Each structure stands twice: as structure tokens, then as C-alpha cells.
Amino acid sequence: KARGDLYRKGNHTYIRYEEEPNELGRTV
């Protein structure tokens, strides 16, 4: 589960969110 941002550009939809930090580090 996460919270993020949804953007639209033309016919494309983008969802961007930061994953919960874990043993592998930080990931967007």
C-alpha cells in the first residue's frame, strides 16, 4: 500500500510513489 501522485499526459497516466523503506533502501 502507498500514497502517491497521479498525472496525465496525452493518453498516458502516470502514478508516482515512494515505496516503504526496507532493507534494500529507498526506492521511488
PDB file of all heavy atoms in Angstrom:
ATOM      1  N   LYS A   1       0.853  -1.184   0.000  1.00  0.00           N
ATOM      2  CA  LYS A   1       0.000   0.000   0.000  1.00  0.00           C
ATOM      3  C   LYS A   1       0.888   1.233   0.000  1.00  0.00           C
ATOM      4  O   LYS A   1       1.956   1.228   0.621  1.00  0.00           O
ATOM      5  CB  LYS A   1      -0.900   0.034   1.236  1.00  0.00           C
ATOM      6  CG  LYS A   1      -1.912  -1.079   1.280  1.00  0.00           C
ATOM      7  CD  LYS A   1      -2.751  -0.965   2.539  1.00  0.00           C
ATOM      8  CE  LYS A   1      -3.745  -2.098   2.624  1.00  0.00           C
ATOM      9  NZ  LYS A   1      -4.558  -1.992   3.849  1.00  0.00           N
ATOM     10  N   ALA A   2       0.432   2.272  -0.690  1.00  0.00           N
ATOM     11  CA  ALA A   2       1.208   3.519  -0.743  1.00  0.00           C
ATOM     12  C   ALA A   2       0.271   4.670  -1.079  1.00  0.00           C
ATOM     13  O   ALA A   2      -0.866   4.470  -1.501  1.00  0.00           O
ATOM     14  CB  ALA A   2       2.316   3.411  -1.789  1.00  0.00           C
ATOM     15  N   ARG A   3       0.776   5.871  -0.901  1.00  0.00           N
ATOM     16  CA  ARG A   3       0.107   7.083  -1.362  1.00  0.00           C
ATOM     17  C   ARG A   3       1.043   7.731  -2.359  1.00  0.00           C
ATOM     18  O   ARG A   3       2.263   7.711  -2.191  1.00  0.00           O
ATOM     19  CB  ARG A   3      -0.162   8.027  -0.200  1.00  0.00           C
ATOM     20  CG  ARG A   3      -1.296   7.560   0.667  1.00  0.00           C
ATOM     21  CD  ARG A   3      -1.591   8.566   1.776  1.00  0.00           C
ATOM     22  NE  ARG A   3      -2.931   8.435   2.282  1.00  0.00           N
ATOM     23  CZ  ARG A   3      -3.342   7.460   3.071  1.00  0.00           C
ATOM     24  NH1 ARG A   3      -2.508   6.518   3.432  1.00  0.00           N
ATOM     25  NH2 ARG A   3      -4.584   7.416   3.499  1.00  0.00           N
ATOM     26  N   GLY A   4       0.443   8.285  -3.417  1.00  0.00           N
ATOM     27  CA  GLY A   4       1.282   8.884  -4.440  1.00  0.00           C
ATOM     28  C   GLY A   4       0.533   9.915  -5.245  1.00  0.00           C
ATOM     29  O   GLY A   4      -0.541  10.380  -4.851  1.00  0.00           O
ATOM     30  N   ASP A   5       1.115  10.259  -6.387  1.00  0.00           N
ATOM     31  CA  ASP A   5       0.535  11.256  -7.279  1.00  0.00           C
ATOM     32  C   ASP A   5       0.205  10.618  -8.607  1.00  0.00           C
ATOM     33  O   ASP A   5       0.972   9.800  -9.117  1.00  0.00           O
ATOM     34  CB  ASP A   5       1.529  12.406  -7.517  1.00  0.00           C
ATOM     35  CG  ASP A   5       1.795  13.190  -6.246  1.00  0.00           C
ATOM     36  OD1 ASP A   5       0.825  13.602  -5.595  1.00  0.00           O
ATOM     37  OD2 ASP A   5       2.978  13.383  -5.904  1.00  0.00           O
ATOM     38  N   LEU A   6      -0.933  11.006  -9.171  1.00  0.00           N
ATOM     39  CA  LEU A   6      -1.358  10.553 -10.487  1.00  0.00           C
ATOM     40  C   LEU A   6      -1.300  11.760 -11.414  1.00  0.00           C
ATOM     41  O   LEU A   6      -1.788  12.835 -11.066  1.00  0.00           O
ATOM     42  CB  LEU A   6      -2.784  10.001 -10.409  1.00  0.00           C
ATOM     43  CG  LEU A   6      -3.375   9.476 -11.718  1.00  0.00           C
ATOM     44  CD1 LEU A   6      -4.270   8.282 -11.425  1.00  0.00           C
ATOM     45  CD2 LEU A   6      -4.180  10.538 -12.425  1.00  0.00           C
ATOM     46  N   TYR A   7      -0.662  11.598 -12.561  1.00  0.00           N
ATOM     47  CA  TYR A   7      -0.541  12.646 -13.579  1.00  0.00           C
ATOM     48  C   TYR A   7      -1.075  12.100 -14.891  1.00  0.00           C
ATOM     49  O   TYR A   7      -0.976  10.916 -15.149  1.00  0.00           O
ATOM     50  CB  TYR A   7       0.929  13.020 -13.831  1.00  0.00           C
ATOM     51  CG  TYR A   7       1.695  13.457 -12.629  1.00  0.00           C
ATOM     52  CD1 TYR A   7       2.343  12.521 -11.824  1.00  0.00           C
ATOM     53  CD2 TYR A   7       1.811  14.801 -12.312  1.00  0.00           C
ATOM     54  CE1 TYR A   7       3.065  12.915 -10.723  1.00  0.00           C
ATOM     55  CE2 TYR A   7       2.538  15.202 -11.211  1.00  0.00           C
ATOM     56  CZ  TYR A   7       3.165  14.261 -10.419  1.00  0.00           C
ATOM     57  OH  TYR A   7       3.888  14.647  -9.333  1.00  0.00           O
ATOM     58  N   ARG A   8      -1.560  12.973 -15.726  1.00  0.00           N
ATOM     59  CA  ARG A   8      -1.968  12.584 -17.077  1.00  0.00           C
ATOM     60  C   ARG A   8      -1.183  13.397 -18.088  1.00  0.00           C
ATOM     61  O   ARG A   8      -0.974  14.586 -17.906  1.00  0.00           O
ATOM     62  CB  ARG A   8      -3.447  12.835 -17.282  1.00  0.00           C
ATOM     63  CG  ARG A   8      -4.282  11.887 -16.487  1.00  0.00           C
ATOM     64  CD  ARG A   8      -5.702  11.839 -17.003  1.00  0.00           C
ATOM     65  NE  ARG A   8      -6.482  10.985 -16.139  1.00  0.00           N
ATOM     66  CZ  ARG A   8      -7.071  11.410 -15.031  1.00  0.00           C
ATOM     67  NH1 ARG A   8      -7.001  12.651 -14.674  1.00  0.00           N
ATOM     68  NH2 ARG A   8      -7.741  10.549 -14.291  1.00  0.00           N
ATOM     69  N   LYS A   9      -0.771  12.718 -19.153  1.00  0.00           N
ATOM     70  CA  LYS A   9      -0.089  13.383 -20.258  1.00  0.00           C
ATOM     71  C   LYS A   9      -0.547  12.690 -21.531  1.00  0.00           C
ATOM     72  O   LYS A   9      -0.218  11.530 -21.760  1.00  0.00           O
ATOM     73  CB  LYS A   9       1.430  13.275 -20.093  1.00  0.00           C
ATOM     74  CG  LYS A   9       2.199  14.108 -21.081  1.00  0.00           C
ATOM     75  CD  LYS A   9       3.675  14.117 -20.735  1.00  0.00           C
ATOM     76  CE  LYS A   9       4.401  15.051 -21.674  1.00  0.00           C
ATOM     77  NZ  LYS A   9       5.808  15.126 -21.378  1.00  0.00           N
ATOM     78  N   GLY A  10      -1.355  13.367 -22.319  1.00  0.00           N
ATOM     79  CA  GLY A  10      -1.920  12.751 -23.516  1.00  0.00           C
ATOM     80  C   GLY A  10      -2.808  11.586 -23.122  1.00  0.00           C
ATOM     81  O   GLY A  10      -3.643  11.703 -22.238  1.00  0.00           O
ATOM     82  N   ASN A  11      -2.597  10.438 -23.767  1.00  0.00           N
ATOM     83  CA  ASN A  11      -3.376   9.234 -23.456  1.00  0.00           C
ATOM     84  C   ASN A  11      -2.730   8.377 -22.374  1.00  0.00           C
ATOM     85  O   ASN A  11      -3.169   7.261 -22.140  1.00  0.00           O
ATOM     86  CB  ASN A  11      -3.550   8.376 -24.725  1.00  0.00           C
ATOM     87  CG  ASN A  11      -4.428   9.056 -25.739  1.00  0.00           C
ATOM     88  OD1 ASN A  11      -5.287   9.862 -25.385  1.00  0.00           O
ATOM     89  ND2 ASN A  11      -4.213   8.757 -27.006  1.00  0.00           N
ATOM     90  N   HIS A  12      -1.693   8.888 -21.744  1.00  0.00           N
ATOM     91  CA  HIS A  12      -0.968   8.120 -20.737  1.00  0.00           C
ATOM     92  C   HIS A  12      -1.301   8.627 -19.338  1.00  0.00           C
ATOM     93  O   HIS A  12      -1.497   9.810 -19.132  1.00  0.00           O
ATOM     94  CB  HIS A  12       0.545   8.217 -20.953  1.00  0.00           C
ATOM     95  CG  HIS A  12       0.966   7.832 -22.332  1.00  0.00           C
ATOM     96  ND1 HIS A  12       1.952   8.502 -23.000  1.00  0.00           N
ATOM     97  CD2 HIS A  12       0.534   6.871 -23.175  1.00  0.00           C
ATOM     98  CE1 HIS A  12       2.114   7.955 -24.188  1.00  0.00           C
ATOM     99  NE2 HIS A  12       1.262   6.968 -24.313  1.00  0.00           N
ATOM    100  N   THR A  13      -1.307   7.691 -18.390  1.00  0.00           N
ATOM    101  CA  THR A  13      -1.488   8.012 -16.984  1.00  0.00           C
ATOM    102  C   THR A  13      -0.240   7.553 -16.250  1.00  0.00           C
ATOM    103  O   THR A  13       0.237   6.442 -16.471  1.00  0.00           O
ATOM    104  CB  THR A  13      -2.732   7.300 -16.414  1.00  0.00           C
ATOM    105  OG1 THR A  13      -3.876   7.723 -17.156  1.00  0.00           O
ATOM    106  CG2 THR A  13      -2.930   7.644 -14.951  1.00  0.00           C
ATOM    107  N   TYR A  14       0.279   8.408 -15.391  1.00  0.00           N
ATOM    108  CA  TYR A  14       1.473   8.094 -14.609  1.00  0.00           C
ATOM    109  C   TYR A  14       1.116   8.141 -13.131  1.00  0.00           C
ATOM    110  O   TYR A  14       0.446   9.061 -12.682  1.00  0.00           O
ATOM    111  CB  TYR A  14       2.584   9.117 -14.865  1.00  0.00           C
ATOM    112  CG  TYR A  14       3.065   9.139 -16.283  1.00  0.00           C
ATOM    113  CD1 TYR A  14       2.465   9.959 -17.234  1.00  0.00           C
ATOM    114  CD2 TYR A  14       4.131   8.345 -16.697  1.00  0.00           C
ATOM    115  CE1 TYR A  14       2.905   9.992 -18.546  1.00  0.00           C
ATOM    116  CE2 TYR A  14       4.579   8.365 -18.009  1.00  0.00           C
ATOM    117  CZ  TYR A  14       3.957   9.192 -18.919  1.00  0.00           C
ATOM    118  OH  TYR A  14       4.395   9.209 -20.219  1.00  0.00           O
ATOM    119  N   ILE A  15       1.590   7.141 -12.390  1.00  0.00           N
ATOM    120  CA  ILE A  15       1.418   7.107 -10.952  1.00  0.00           C
ATOM    121  C   ILE A  15       2.808   7.007 -10.352  1.00  0.00           C
ATOM    122  O   ILE A  15       3.584   6.112 -10.691  1.00  0.00           O
ATOM    123  CB  ILE A  15       0.546   5.914 -10.518  1.00  0.00           C
ATOM    124  CG1 ILE A  15      -0.849   6.080 -11.133  1.00  0.00           C
ATOM    125  CG2 ILE A  15       0.455   5.829  -9.007  1.00  0.00           C
ATOM    126  CD1 ILE A  15      -1.423   4.840 -11.658  1.00  0.00           C
ATOM    127  N   ARG A  16       3.113   7.952  -9.466  1.00  0.00           N
ATOM    128  CA  ARG A  16       4.448   8.004  -8.854  1.00  0.00           C
ATOM    129  C   ARG A  16       4.295   7.915  -7.345  1.00  0.00           C
ATOM    130  O   ARG A  16       3.487   8.638  -6.759  1.00  0.00           O
ATOM    131  CB  ARG A  16       5.132   9.316  -9.231  1.00  0.00           C
ATOM    132  CG  ARG A  16       6.552   9.437  -8.732  1.00  0.00           C
ATOM    133  CD  ARG A  16       7.134  10.797  -9.153  1.00  0.00           C
ATOM    134  NE  ARG A  16       8.498  10.928  -8.740  1.00  0.00           N
ATOM    135  CZ  ARG A  16       8.894  11.268  -7.507  1.00  0.00           C
ATOM    136  NH1 ARG A  16       8.003  11.525  -6.578  1.00  0.00           N
ATOM    137  NH2 ARG A  16      10.177  11.352  -7.224  1.00  0.00           N
ATOM    138  N   TYR A  17       5.075   7.024  -6.717  1.00  0.00           N
ATOM    139  CA  TYR A  17       5.020   6.894  -5.264  1.00  0.00           C
ATOM    140  C   TYR A  17       6.359   6.401  -4.737  1.00  0.00           C
ATOM    141  O   TYR A  17       7.148   5.801  -5.456  1.00  0.00           O
ATOM    142  CB  TYR A  17       3.890   5.957  -4.821  1.00  0.00           C
ATOM    143  CG  TYR A  17       4.058   4.521  -5.255  1.00  0.00           C
ATOM    144  CD1 TYR A  17       4.655   3.583  -4.412  1.00  0.00           C
ATOM    145  CD2 TYR A  17       3.610   4.089  -6.496  1.00  0.00           C
ATOM    146  CE1 TYR A  17       4.807   2.268  -4.811  1.00  0.00           C
ATOM    147  CE2 TYR A  17       3.755   2.766  -6.898  1.00  0.00           C
ATOM    148  CZ  TYR A  17       4.357   1.874  -6.052  1.00  0.00           C
ATOM    149  OH  TYR A  17       4.508   0.568  -6.448  1.00  0.00           O
ATOM    150  N   GLU A  18       6.582   6.685  -3.458  1.00  0.00           N
ATOM    151  CA  GLU A  18       7.790   6.201  -2.789  1.00  0.00           C
ATOM    152  C   GLU A  18       7.424   4.938  -2.026  1.00  0.00           C
ATOM    153  O   GLU A  18       6.439   4.916  -1.285  1.00  0.00           O
ATOM    154  CB  GLU A  18       8.342   7.254  -1.837  1.00  0.00           C
ATOM    155  CG  GLU A  18       9.676   6.852  -1.260  1.00  0.00           C
ATOM    156  CD  GLU A  18      10.385   7.973  -0.512  1.00  0.00           C
ATOM    157  OE1 GLU A  18      10.122   9.147  -0.813  1.00  0.00           O
ATOM    158  OE2 GLU A  18      11.196   7.652   0.375  1.00  0.00           O
ATOM    159  N   GLU A  19       8.214   3.893  -2.241  1.00  0.00           N
ATOM    160  CA  GLU A  19       7.981   2.641  -1.534  1.00  0.00           C
ATOM    161  C   GLU A  19       8.402   2.795  -0.079  1.00  0.00           C
ATOM    162  O   GLU A  19       9.239   3.632   0.255  1.00  0.00           O
ATOM    163  CB  GLU A  19       8.770   1.503  -2.191  1.00  0.00           C
ATOM    164  CG  GLU A  19       8.325   1.211  -3.603  1.00  0.00           C
ATOM    165  CD  GLU A  19       9.101   0.075  -4.247  1.00  0.00           C
ATOM    166  OE1 GLU A  19       9.736  -0.716  -3.518  1.00  0.00           O
ATOM    167  OE2 GLU A  19       9.054  -0.016  -5.485  1.00  0.00           O
ATOM    168  N   GLU A  20       7.809   1.960   0.773  1.00  0.00           N
ATOM    169  CA  GLU A  20       8.223   1.949   2.182  1.00  0.00           C
ATOM    170  C   GLU A  20       9.707   1.587   2.241  1.00  0.00           C
ATOM    171  O   GLU A  20      10.125   0.610   1.608  1.00  0.00           O
ATOM    172  CB  GLU A  20       7.425   0.896   2.967  1.00  0.00           C
ATOM    173  CG  GLU A  20       5.996   1.287   3.238  1.00  0.00           C
ATOM    174  CD  GLU A  20       5.873   2.404   4.245  1.00  0.00           C
ATOM    175  OE1 GLU A  20       6.632   2.423   5.233  1.00  0.00           O
ATOM    176  OE2 GLU A  20       5.022   3.276   4.034  1.00  0.00           O
ATOM    177  N   PRO A  21      10.510   2.360   2.983  1.00  0.00           N
ATOM    178  CA  PRO A  21      11.934   1.994   3.102  1.00  0.00           C
ATOM    179  C   PRO A  21      12.059   0.585   3.699  1.00  0.00           C
ATOM    180  O   PRO A  21      11.297   0.211   4.579  1.00  0.00           O
ATOM    181  CB  PRO A  21      12.507   3.043   4.053  1.00  0.00           C
ATOM    182  CG  PRO A  21      11.549   4.195   3.971  1.00  0.00           C
ATOM    183  CD  PRO A  21      10.200   3.578   3.697  1.00  0.00           C
ATOM    184  N   ASN A  22      13.008  -0.184   3.177  1.00  0.00           N
ATOM    185  CA  ASN A  22      13.230  -1.541   3.688  1.00  0.00           C
ATOM    186  C   ASN A  22      14.722  -1.834   3.692  1.00  0.00           C
ATOM    187  O   ASN A  22      15.536  -0.931   3.505  1.00  0.00           O
ATOM    188  CB  ASN A  22      12.434  -2.565   2.874  1.00  0.00           C
ATOM    189  CG  ASN A  22      12.821  -2.548   1.406  1.00  0.00           C
ATOM    190  OD1 ASN A  22      13.988  -2.366   1.056  1.00  0.00           O
ATOM    191  ND2 ASN A  22      11.852  -2.743   0.530  1.00  0.00           N
ATOM    192  N   GLU A  23      15.078  -3.102   3.859  1.00  0.00           N
ATOM    193  CA  GLU A  23      16.493  -3.475   3.945  1.00  0.00           C
ATOM    194  C   GLU A  23      17.260  -3.164   2.669  1.00  0.00           C
ATOM    195  O   GLU A  23      18.477  -3.053   2.680  1.00  0.00           O
ATOM    196  CB  GLU A  23      16.645  -4.959   4.318  1.00  0.00           C
ATOM    197  CG  GLU A  23      16.138  -5.942   3.288  1.00  0.00           C
ATOM    198  CD  GLU A  23      14.638  -6.219   3.353  1.00  0.00           C
ATOM    199  OE1 GLU A  23      13.951  -5.684   4.231  1.00  0.00           O
ATOM    200  OE2 GLU A  23      14.153  -6.966   2.494  1.00  0.00           O
ATOM    201  N   LEU A  24      16.545  -3.007   1.537  1.00  0.00           N
ATOM    202  CA  LEU A  24      17.215  -2.671   0.282  1.00  0.00           C
ATOM    203  C   LEU A  24      17.384  -1.164   0.098  1.00  0.00           C
ATOM    204  O   LEU A  24      18.016  -0.738  -0.862  1.00  0.00           O
ATOM    205  CB  LEU A  24      16.446  -3.260  -0.907  1.00  0.00           C
ATOM    206  CG  LEU A  24      16.404  -4.780  -0.969  1.00  0.00           C
ATOM    207  CD1 LEU A  24      15.511  -5.246  -2.108  1.00  0.00           C
ATOM    208  CD2 LEU A  24      17.796  -5.371  -1.103  1.00  0.00           C
ATOM    209  N   GLY A  25      16.781  -0.363   0.991  1.00  0.00           N
ATOM    210  CA  GLY A  25      16.950   1.089   0.912  1.00  0.00           C
ATOM    211  C   GLY A  25      15.689   1.805   0.465  1.00  0.00           C
ATOM    212  O   GLY A  25      14.572   1.358   0.700  1.00  0.00           O
ATOM    213  N   ARG A  26      15.884   2.936  -0.206  1.00  0.00           N
ATOM    214  CA  ARG A  26      14.790   3.829  -0.617  1.00  0.00           C
ATOM    215  C   ARG A  26      14.587   3.719  -2.127  1.00  0.00           C
ATOM    216  O   ARG A  26      15.550   3.782  -2.895  1.00  0.00           O
ATOM    217  CB  ARG A  26      15.175   5.256  -0.233  1.00  0.00           C
ATOM    218  CG  ARG A  26      14.094   6.256  -0.472  1.00  0.00           C
ATOM    219  CD  ARG A  26      14.504   7.615   0.127  1.00  0.00           C
ATOM    220  NE  ARG A  26      13.569   8.611  -0.359  1.00  0.00           N
ATOM    221  CZ  ARG A  26      13.800   9.404  -1.401  1.00  0.00           C
ATOM    222  NH1 ARG A  26      14.958   9.343  -2.040  1.00  0.00           N
ATOM    223  NH2 ARG A  26      12.896  10.264  -1.796  1.00  0.00           N
ATOM    224  N   THR A  27      13.322   3.586  -2.535  1.00  0.00           N
ATOM    225  CA  THR A  27      13.012   3.421  -3.954  1.00  0.00           C
ATOM    226  C   THR A  27      11.754   4.202  -4.311  1.00  0.00           C
ATOM    227  O   THR A  27      10.769   4.162  -3.580  1.00  0.00           O
ATOM    228  CB  THR A  27      12.808   1.930  -4.300  1.00  0.00           C
ATOM    229  OG1 THR A  27      13.998   1.218  -3.949  1.00  0.00           O
ATOM    230  CG2 THR A  27      12.523   1.723  -5.770  1.00  0.00           C
ATOM    231  N   VAL A  28      11.795   4.906  -5.443  1.00  0.00           N
ATOM    232  CA  VAL A  28      10.630   5.599  -5.983  1.00  0.00           C
ATOM    233  C   VAL A  28      10.165   4.827  -7.210  1.00  0.00           C
ATOM    234  O   VAL A  28      10.967   4.451  -8.060  1.00  0.00           O
ATOM    235  CB  VAL A  28      10.968   7.063  -6.357  1.00  0.00           C
ATOM    236  CG1 VAL A  28       9.787   7.737  -7.048  1.00  0.00           C
ATOM    237  CG2 VAL A  28      11.380   7.844  -5.118  1.00  0.00           C
TER     238      VAL A  28
END
